[in-house]
Amino acid sequence: MTTTANPPRLLDSTELSAWLGVPVPTLNQWAYRSVGPRFVKVGRHRRYRPDDVERWLDARTRGGDVA
C-alpha cells in the first residue's frame, strides 16, 4: 500500500514520449484508440504510472530468451 508520504511518481505525456521514443501525438492517438498504456485522468491531463507502462511493455515483448 502506498502512503501519502511517498506517492508514486506519475509521468506526463512529454516524459513518457521521451522514455518510449515516440512522439506525443502518437501517445494521443494510442489514448484515443485505447491501445496504449493505461493512464489516469487528472483534470484534463493524462498521467501514466510507470508500473502500468512496464506491464504494457511486457505484454508487447516478442522474441528472445525468456529467462
PDB file of N, CA and C in Angstrom:
ATOM      1  N   MET A   1       0.842  -1.182   0.000  1.00  0.00           N
ATOM      2  CA  MET A   1       0.000   0.000   0.000  1.00  0.00           C
ATOM      3  C   MET A   1       0.889   1.249   0.000  1.00  0.00           C
ATOM      4  N   THR A   2       0.540   2.197  -0.835  1.00  0.00           N
ATOM      5  CA  THR A   2       1.308   3.426  -0.941  1.00  0.00           C
ATOM      6  C   THR A   2       0.806   4.433   0.086  1.00  0.00           C
ATOM      7  N   THR A   3       1.728   5.089   0.737  1.00  0.00           N
ATOM      8  CA  THR A   3       1.337   6.123   1.696  1.00  0.00           C
ATOM      9  C   THR A   3       1.388   7.484   1.026  1.00  0.00           C
ATOM     10  N   THR A   4       0.729   8.443   1.615  1.00  0.00           N
ATOM     11  CA  THR A   4       0.743   9.792   1.043  1.00  0.00           C
ATOM     12  C   THR A   4       2.103  10.447   1.235  1.00  0.00           C
ATOM     13  N   ALA A   5       2.919   9.919   2.151  1.00  0.00           N
ATOM     14  CA  ALA A   5       4.260  10.473   2.351  1.00  0.00           C
ATOM     15  C   ALA A   5       5.162  10.160   1.160  1.00  0.00           C
ATOM     16  N   ASN A   6       4.888   9.064   0.468  1.00  0.00           N
ATOM     17  CA  ASN A   6       5.700   8.643  -0.670  1.00  0.00           C
ATOM     18  C   ASN A   6       4.803   8.235  -1.835  1.00  0.00           C
ATOM     19  N   PRO A   7       4.066   9.178  -2.436  1.00  0.00           N
ATOM     20  CA  PRO A   7       3.167   8.792  -3.532  1.00  0.00           C
ATOM     21  C   PRO A   7       3.960   8.358  -4.757  1.00  0.00           C
ATOM     22  N   PRO A   8       3.391   7.474  -5.580  1.00  0.00           N
ATOM     23  CA  PRO A   8       4.093   7.050  -6.793  1.00  0.00           C
ATOM     24  C   PRO A   8       4.222   8.217  -7.765  1.00  0.00           C
ATOM     25  N   ARG A   9       5.292   8.228  -8.506  1.00  0.00           N
ATOM     26  CA  ARG A   9       5.547   9.278  -9.495  1.00  0.00           C
ATOM     27  C   ARG A   9       4.674   9.034 -10.712  1.00  0.00           C
ATOM     28  N   LEU A  10       3.980  10.046 -11.165  1.00  0.00           N
ATOM     29  CA  LEU A  10       3.180   9.967 -12.382  1.00  0.00           C
ATOM     30  C   LEU A  10       3.920  10.695 -13.494  1.00  0.00           C
ATOM     31  N   LEU A  11       3.922  10.103 -14.681  1.00  0.00           N
ATOM     32  CA  LEU A  11       4.601  10.692 -15.836  1.00  0.00           C
ATOM     33  C   LEU A  11       3.595  11.444 -16.695  1.00  0.00           C
ATOM     34  N   ASP A  12       4.007  12.576 -17.236  1.00  0.00           N
ATOM     35  CA  ASP A  12       3.154  13.254 -18.201  1.00  0.00           C
ATOM     36  C   ASP A  12       3.493  12.750 -19.598  1.00  0.00           C
ATOM     37  N   SER A  13       2.759  13.203 -20.590  1.00  0.00           N
ATOM     38  CA  SER A  13       2.945  12.712 -21.961  1.00  0.00           C
ATOM     39  C   SER A  13       4.339  13.010 -22.502  1.00  0.00           C
ATOM     40  N   THR A  14       4.890  14.162 -22.156  1.00  0.00           N
ATOM     41  CA  THR A  14       6.227  14.522 -22.636  1.00  0.00           C
ATOM     42  C   THR A  14       7.279  13.570 -22.069  1.00  0.00           C
ATOM     43  N   GLU A  15       7.163  13.259 -20.786  1.00  0.00           N
ATOM     44  CA  GLU A  15       8.122  12.342 -20.162  1.00  0.00           C
ATOM     45  C   GLU A  15       7.987  10.932 -20.733  1.00  0.00           C
ATOM     46  N   LEU A  16       6.744  10.478 -20.924  1.00  0.00           N
ATOM     47  CA  LEU A  16       6.545   9.140 -21.493  1.00  0.00           C
ATOM     48  C   LEU A  16       7.014   9.086 -22.935  1.00  0.00           C
ATOM     49  N   SER A  17       6.789  10.156 -23.667  1.00  0.00           N
ATOM     50  CA  SER A  17       7.263  10.239 -25.046  1.00  0.00           C
ATOM     51  C   SER A  17       8.776  10.058 -25.110  1.00  0.00           C
ATOM     52  N   ALA A  18       9.498  10.724 -24.222  1.00  0.00           N
ATOM     53  CA  ALA A  18      10.962  10.602 -24.192  1.00  0.00           C
ATOM     54  C   ALA A  18      11.371   9.187 -23.794  1.00  0.00           C
ATOM     55  N   TRP A  19      10.685   8.595 -22.826  1.00  0.00           N
ATOM     56  CA  TRP A  19      11.016   7.249 -22.361  1.00  0.00           C
ATOM     57  C   TRP A  19      10.828   6.215 -23.475  1.00  0.00           C
ATOM     58  N   LEU A  20       9.684   6.311 -24.186  1.00  0.00           N
ATOM     59  CA  LEU A  20       9.392   5.315 -25.218  1.00  0.00           C
ATOM     60  C   LEU A  20      10.005   5.653 -26.570  1.00  0.00           C
ATOM     61  N   GLY A  21      10.408   6.903 -26.746  1.00  0.00           N
ATOM     62  CA  GLY A  21      10.974   7.314 -28.029  1.00  0.00           C
ATOM     63  C   GLY A  21       9.924   7.452 -29.118  1.00  0.00           C
ATOM     64  N   VAL A  22       8.718   7.853 -28.724  1.00  0.00           N
ATOM     65  CA  VAL A  22       7.646   8.086 -29.699  1.00  0.00           C
ATOM     66  C   VAL A  22       7.135   9.513 -29.514  1.00  0.00           C
ATOM     67  N   PRO A  23       6.618  10.120 -30.570  1.00  0.00           N
ATOM     68  CA  PRO A  23       6.109  11.491 -30.447  1.00  0.00           C
ATOM     69  C   PRO A  23       4.861  11.563 -29.569  1.00  0.00           C
ATOM     70  N   VAL A  24       4.645  12.706 -28.947  1.00  0.00           N
ATOM     71  CA  VAL A  24       3.448  12.916 -28.125  1.00  0.00           C
ATOM     72  C   VAL A  24       2.167  12.685 -28.934  1.00  0.00           C
ATOM     73  N   PRO A  25       2.092  13.126 -30.210  1.00  0.00           N
ATOM     74  CA  PRO A  25       0.866  12.840 -30.971  1.00  0.00           C
ATOM     75  C   PRO A  25       0.569  11.336 -31.096  1.00  0.00           C
ATOM     76  N   THR A  26       1.595  10.518 -31.098  1.00  0.00           N
ATOM     77  CA  THR A  26       1.373   9.066 -31.125  1.00  0.00           C
ATOM     78  C   THR A  26       0.712   8.619 -29.826  1.00  0.00           C
ATOM     79  N   LEU A  27       1.181   9.147 -28.697  1.00  0.00           N
ATOM     80  CA  LEU A  27       0.549   8.818 -27.417  1.00  0.00           C
ATOM     81  C   LEU A  27      -0.910   9.271 -27.418  1.00  0.00           C
ATOM     82  N   ASN A  28      -1.178  10.429 -28.004  1.00  0.00           N
ATOM     83  CA  ASN A  28      -2.551  10.929 -28.081  1.00  0.00           C
ATOM     84  C   ASN A  28      -3.431   9.978 -28.886  1.00  0.00           C
ATOM     85  N   GLN A  29      -2.920   9.496 -30.009  1.00  0.00           N
ATOM     86  CA  GLN A  29      -3.668   8.551 -30.835  1.00  0.00           C
ATOM     87  C   GLN A  29      -3.890   7.234 -30.101  1.00  0.00           C
ATOM     88  N   TRP A  30      -2.849   6.738 -29.434  1.00  0.00           N
ATOM     89  CA  TRP A  30      -2.988   5.489 -28.673  1.00  0.00           C
ATOM     90  C   TRP A  30      -4.068   5.638 -27.613  1.00  0.00           C
ATOM     91  N   ALA A  31      -4.090   6.773 -26.925  1.00  0.00           N
ATOM     92  CA  ALA A  31      -5.093   7.003 -25.886  1.00  0.00           C
ATOM     93  C   ALA A  31      -6.496   7.055 -26.510  1.00  0.00           C
ATOM     94  N   TYR A  32      -6.617   7.745 -27.623  1.00  0.00           N
ATOM     95  CA  TYR A  32      -7.903   7.862 -28.313  1.00  0.00           C
ATOM     96  C   TYR A  32      -8.416   6.501 -28.754  1.00  0.00           C
ATOM     97  N   ARG A  33      -7.502   5.655 -29.253  1.00  0.00           N
ATOM     98  CA  ARG A  33      -7.862   4.330 -29.754  1.00  0.00           C
ATOM     99  C   ARG A  33      -7.826   3.255 -28.660  1.00  0.00           C
ATOM    100  N   SER A  34      -7.443   3.626 -27.439  1.00  0.00           N
ATOM    101  CA  SER A  34      -7.339   2.689 -26.302  1.00  0.00           C
ATOM    102  C   SER A  34      -6.388   1.532 -26.586  1.00  0.00           C
ATOM    103  N   VAL A  35      -5.239   1.846 -27.187  1.00  0.00           N
ATOM    104  CA  VAL A  35      -4.248   0.804 -27.471  1.00  0.00           C
ATOM    105  C   VAL A  35      -2.924   1.044 -26.751  1.00  0.00           C
ATOM    106  N   GLY A  36      -2.771   2.172 -26.116  1.00  0.00           N
ATOM    107  CA  GLY A  36      -1.522   2.495 -25.426  1.00  0.00           C
ATOM    108  C   GLY A  36      -1.563   2.078 -23.977  1.00  0.00           C
ATOM    109  N   PRO A  37      -0.563   2.493 -23.219  1.00  0.00           N
ATOM    110  CA  PRO A  37      -0.529   2.174 -21.798  1.00  0.00           C
ATOM    111  C   PRO A  37      -1.712   2.805 -21.059  1.00  0.00           C
ATOM    112  N   ARG A  38      -2.116   2.160 -19.978  1.00  0.00           N
ATOM    113  CA  ARG A  38      -3.174   2.726 -19.130  1.00  0.00           C
ATOM    114  C   ARG A  38      -2.735   4.081 -18.609  1.00  0.00           C
ATOM    115  N   PHE A  39      -3.711   4.947 -18.397  1.00  0.00           N
ATOM    116  CA  PHE A  39      -3.404   6.274 -17.863  1.00  0.00           C
ATOM    117  C   PHE A  39      -4.465   6.685 -16.873  1.00  0.00           C
ATOM    118  N   VAL A  40      -4.139   7.711 -16.114  1.00  0.00           N
ATOM    119  CA  VAL A  40      -5.037   8.291 -15.124  1.00  0.00           C
ATOM    120  C   VAL A  40      -5.372   9.698 -15.594  1.00  0.00           C
ATOM    121  N   LYS A  41      -6.634  10.068 -15.516  1.00  0.00           N
ATOM    122  CA  LYS A  41      -7.020  11.435 -15.844  1.00  0.00           C
ATOM    123  C   LYS A  41      -6.944  12.274 -14.574  1.00  0.00           C
ATOM    124  N   VAL A  42      -6.153  13.324 -14.625  1.00  0.00           N
ATOM    125  CA  VAL A  42      -6.040  14.283 -13.529  1.00  0.00           C
ATOM    126  C   VAL A  42      -6.527  15.605 -14.108  1.00  0.00           C
ATOM    127  N   GLY A  43      -7.769  15.913 -13.855  1.00  0.00           N
ATOM    128  CA  GLY A  43      -8.381  17.046 -14.544  1.00  0.00           C
ATOM    129  C   GLY A  43      -8.500  16.707 -16.018  1.00  0.00           C
ATOM    130  N   ARG A  44      -7.948  17.561 -16.849  1.00  0.00           N
ATOM    131  CA  ARG A  44      -7.945  17.303 -18.299  1.00  0.00           C
ATOM    132  C   ARG A  44      -6.687  16.583 -18.755  1.00  0.00           C
ATOM    133  N   HIS A  45      -5.792  16.305 -17.849  1.00  0.00           N
ATOM    134  CA  HIS A  45      -4.469  15.790 -18.199  1.00  0.00           C
ATOM    135  C   HIS A  45      -4.371  14.284 -18.021  1.00  0.00           C
ATOM    136  N   ARG A  46      -3.621  13.658 -18.929  1.00  0.00           N
ATOM    137  CA  ARG A  46      -3.302  12.233 -18.797  1.00  0.00           C
ATOM    138  C   ARG A  46      -2.004  12.095 -18.039  1.00  0.00           C
ATOM    139  N   ARG A  47      -1.992  11.189 -17.082  1.00  0.00           N
ATOM    140  CA  ARG A  47      -0.774  10.860 -16.346  1.00  0.00           C
ATOM    141  C   ARG A  47      -0.615   9.356 -16.369  1.00  0.00           C
ATOM    142  N   TYR A  48       0.624   8.917 -16.449  1.00  0.00           N
ATOM    143  CA  TYR A  48       0.935   7.497 -16.588  1.00  0.00           C
ATOM    144  C   TYR A  48       1.694   7.007 -15.367  1.00  0.00           C
ATOM    145  N   ARG A  49       1.275   5.864 -14.831  1.00  0.00           N
ATOM    146  CA  ARG A  49       2.008   5.216 -13.752  1.00  0.00           C
ATOM    147  C   ARG A  49       3.116   4.375 -14.388  1.00  0.00           C
ATOM    148  N   PRO A  50       4.353   4.520 -13.926  1.00  0.00           N
ATOM    149  CA  PRO A  50       5.444   3.726 -14.506  1.00  0.00           C
ATOM    150  C   PRO A  50       5.169   2.219 -14.475  1.00  0.00           C
ATOM    151  N   ASP A  51       4.536   1.705 -13.415  1.00  0.00           N
ATOM    152  CA  ASP A  51       4.231   0.271 -13.354  1.00  0.00           C
ATOM    153  C   ASP A  51       3.276  -0.150 -14.463  1.00  0.00           C
ATOM    154  N   ASP A  52       2.279   0.699 -14.774  1.00  0.00           N
ATOM    155  CA  ASP A  52       1.349   0.390 -15.865  1.00  0.00           C
ATOM    156  C   ASP A  52       2.075   0.373 -17.210  1.00  0.00           C
ATOM    157  N   VAL A  53       2.994   1.310 -17.389  1.00  0.00           N
ATOM    158  CA  VAL A  53       3.766   1.360 -18.640  1.00  0.00           C
ATOM    159  C   VAL A  53       4.638   0.113 -18.763  1.00  0.00           C
ATOM    160  N   GLU A  54       5.283  -0.285 -17.680  1.00  0.00           N
ATOM    161  CA  GLU A  54       6.121  -1.500 -17.697  1.00  0.00           C
ATOM    162  C   GLU A  54       5.287  -2.730 -18.053  1.00  0.00           C
ATOM    163  N   ARG A  55       4.097  -2.857 -17.461  1.00  0.00           N
ATOM    164  CA  ARG A  55       3.222  -4.002 -17.774  1.00  0.00           C
ATOM    165  C   ARG A  55       2.810  -3.970 -19.245  1.00  0.00           C
ATOM    166  N   TRP A  56       2.508  -2.780 -19.761  1.00  0.00           N
ATOM    167  CA  TRP A  56       2.120  -2.637 -21.159  1.00  0.00           C
ATOM    168  C   TRP A  56       3.269  -3.060 -22.075  1.00  0.00           C
ATOM    169  N   LEU A  57       4.488  -2.633 -21.712  1.00  0.00           N
ATOM    170  CA  LEU A  57       5.660  -3.021 -22.493  1.00  0.00           C
ATOM    171  C   LEU A  57       5.893  -4.532 -22.421  1.00  0.00           C
ATOM    172  N   ASP A  58       5.782  -5.106 -21.229  1.00  0.00           N
ATOM    173  CA  ASP A  58       5.973  -6.548 -21.070  1.00  0.00           C
ATOM    174  C   ASP A  58       4.998  -7.342 -21.926  1.00  0.00           C
ATOM    175  N   ALA A  59       3.770  -6.862 -22.030  1.00  0.00           N
ATOM    176  CA  ALA A  59       2.756  -7.554 -22.832  1.00  0.00           C
ATOM    177  C   ALA A  59       3.077  -7.508 -24.323  1.00  0.00           C
ATOM    178  N   ARG A  60       3.932  -6.587 -24.733  1.00  0.00           N
ATOM    179  CA  ARG A  60       4.289  -6.439 -26.143  1.00  0.00           C
ATOM    180  C   ARG A  60       5.683  -6.972 -26.483  1.00  0.00           C
ATOM    181  N   THR A  61       6.358  -7.536 -25.501  1.00  0.00           N
ATOM    182  CA  THR A  61       7.703  -8.060 -25.722  1.00  0.00           C
ATOM    183  C   THR A  61       7.616  -9.328 -26.565  1.00  0.00           C
ATOM    184  N   ARG A  62       8.425  -9.394 -27.606  1.00  0.00           N
ATOM    185  CA  ARG A  62       8.422 -10.536 -28.518  1.00  0.00           C
ATOM    186  C   ARG A  62       9.845 -11.025 -28.722  1.00  0.00           C
ATOM    187  N   GLY A  63       9.977 -12.337 -28.954  1.00  0.00           N
ATOM    188  CA  GLY A  63      11.258 -12.940 -29.316  1.00  0.00           C
ATOM    189  C   GLY A  63      12.257 -12.968 -28.179  1.00  0.00           C
ATOM    190  N   GLY A  64      13.415 -13.539 -28.449  1.00  0.00           N
ATOM    191  CA  GLY A  64      14.477 -13.599 -27.457  1.00  0.00           C
ATOM    192  C   GLY A  64      14.231 -14.661 -26.389  1.00  0.00           C
ATOM    193  N   ASP A  65      15.145 -14.742 -25.461  1.00  0.00           N
ATOM    194  CA  ASP A  65      15.028 -15.698 -24.362  1.00  0.00           C
ATOM    195  C   ASP A  65      14.074 -15.184 -23.304  1.00  0.00           C
ATOM    196  N   VAL A  66      13.359 -16.098 -22.732  1.00  0.00           N
ATOM    197  CA  VAL A  66      12.520 -15.775 -21.580  1.00  0.00           C
ATOM    198  C   VAL A  66      13.197 -16.400 -20.384  1.00  0.00           C
ATOM    199  N   ALA A  67      14.013 -15.598 -19.708  1.00  0.00           N
ATOM    200  CA  ALA A  67      14.800 -16.130 -18.603  1.00  0.00           C
ATOM    201  C   ALA A  67      14.137 -15.934 -17.280  1.00  0.00           C
TER     202      ALA A  67
END
